[in-house]
Protein backbone atom coordinates (compact mmCIF):
# COMPACT_ATOMS: atom_id res chain seq x y z
CA MET A 1 52.98 22.50 246.14
CA ALA A 2 49.47 23.71 245.30
CA PRO A 3 47.25 24.64 248.24
CA LEU A 4 44.58 22.21 249.31
CA VAL A 5 41.07 23.41 248.65
CA ALA A 6 38.19 22.90 251.05
CA ASP A 7 35.60 22.39 248.35
CA PHE A 8 32.06 21.63 249.48
CA PRO A 9 28.97 20.68 247.47
CA VAL A 10 26.72 23.49 246.32
CA GLY A 11 23.98 24.10 248.86
CA SER A 12 25.82 22.42 251.72
CA PRO A 13 26.07 24.37 255.00
CA GLU A 14 29.84 24.62 254.51
CA GLY A 15 29.79 25.47 250.83
CA CYS A 16 28.05 27.55 248.25
CA ALA A 17 24.50 28.70 248.60
CA PRO A 18 22.21 27.90 245.68
CA GLY A 19 22.33 30.87 243.35
CA ALA A 20 25.74 32.08 244.54
CA LYS A 21 27.16 34.46 241.94
CA THR A 22 30.62 35.26 243.30
CA THR A 23 33.33 32.80 244.30
CA ILE A 24 35.73 34.00 246.97
CA THR A 25 38.98 32.20 247.79
CA ALA A 26 40.49 32.76 251.22
CA VAL A 27 43.95 31.39 251.96
CA VAL A 28 44.98 30.50 255.51
CA THR A 29 48.23 32.40 255.98
CA LEU A 30 48.66 31.88 259.72
CA ALA A 31 47.29 29.35 262.19
CA ALA A 32 48.27 29.64 265.85
CA ASP A 33 46.65 29.27 269.26
CA THR A 34 43.19 28.54 267.80
CA TRP A 35 43.33 31.69 265.62
CA PHE A 36 43.39 31.61 261.85
CA GLU A 37 44.40 34.46 259.57
CA LEU A 38 42.92 34.34 256.08
CA ARG A 39 43.69 36.56 253.10
CA VAL A 40 41.04 37.00 250.45
CA GLN A 41 42.66 36.55 247.05
CA GLN A 42 40.11 38.60 245.10
CA MET A 43 40.44 41.56 247.46
CA PRO A 44 44.11 42.36 248.16
CA GLY A 45 44.49 43.85 251.60
CA LEU A 46 41.41 42.13 253.06
CA VAL A 47 42.57 40.01 255.99
CA VAL A 48 40.07 38.05 258.06
CA TYR A 49 40.59 36.41 261.47
CA ALA A 50 38.60 33.45 262.74
CA THR A 51 38.71 31.43 265.94
CA SER A 52 38.24 28.09 264.14
CA LEU A 53 38.11 26.67 260.65
CA GLU A 54 34.41 26.04 261.18
CA ARG A 55 34.00 29.79 261.72
CA ALA A 56 36.37 30.81 258.90
CA GLN A 57 33.83 30.69 256.09
CA ASP A 58 31.29 32.82 257.99
CA ALA A 59 34.01 35.30 258.94
CA VAL A 60 35.07 35.68 255.30
CA VAL A 61 31.46 36.14 254.18
CA GLU A 62 30.88 38.81 256.84
CA ALA A 63 34.05 40.69 255.84
CA VAL A 64 33.27 40.59 252.11
CA VAL A 65 29.67 41.69 252.72
CA LYS A 66 30.92 44.68 254.76
CA ALA A 67 33.50 45.58 252.10
CA THR A 68 31.29 45.20 249.03
CA GLY A 69 27.68 45.38 250.12
CA GLN A 70 26.91 42.08 248.38
CA ALA A 71 24.27 39.83 249.90
CA PRO A 72 25.68 36.84 251.82
CA GLY A 73 23.68 34.40 249.67
CA GLU A 74 25.52 35.60 246.57
CA LEU A 75 28.90 34.43 247.88
CA CYS A 76 30.59 31.07 247.55
CA VAL A 77 33.68 30.79 249.78
CA HIS A 78 36.53 28.32 249.33
CA ILE A 79 39.16 28.01 252.05
CA GLN A 80 42.69 27.06 250.97
CA TRP A 81 45.75 26.10 252.99
């Protein structure tokens, strides 16, 4: 079964910023006790933890920014289950 994609309209608070240049896909690999573990497909070895799905996108952006130095506005994050 293919993972479900949380796909949001460009420019929405949950989705891609206008002018985003890089699309990042983070897959939820563990969900327990209000904690979510996400693995970034484009960056093997990058694992992100978030306290809610609402926080997951921001947590992935923060981790990718720290790892690559890219500006947050350049990133478009999709969360998959």
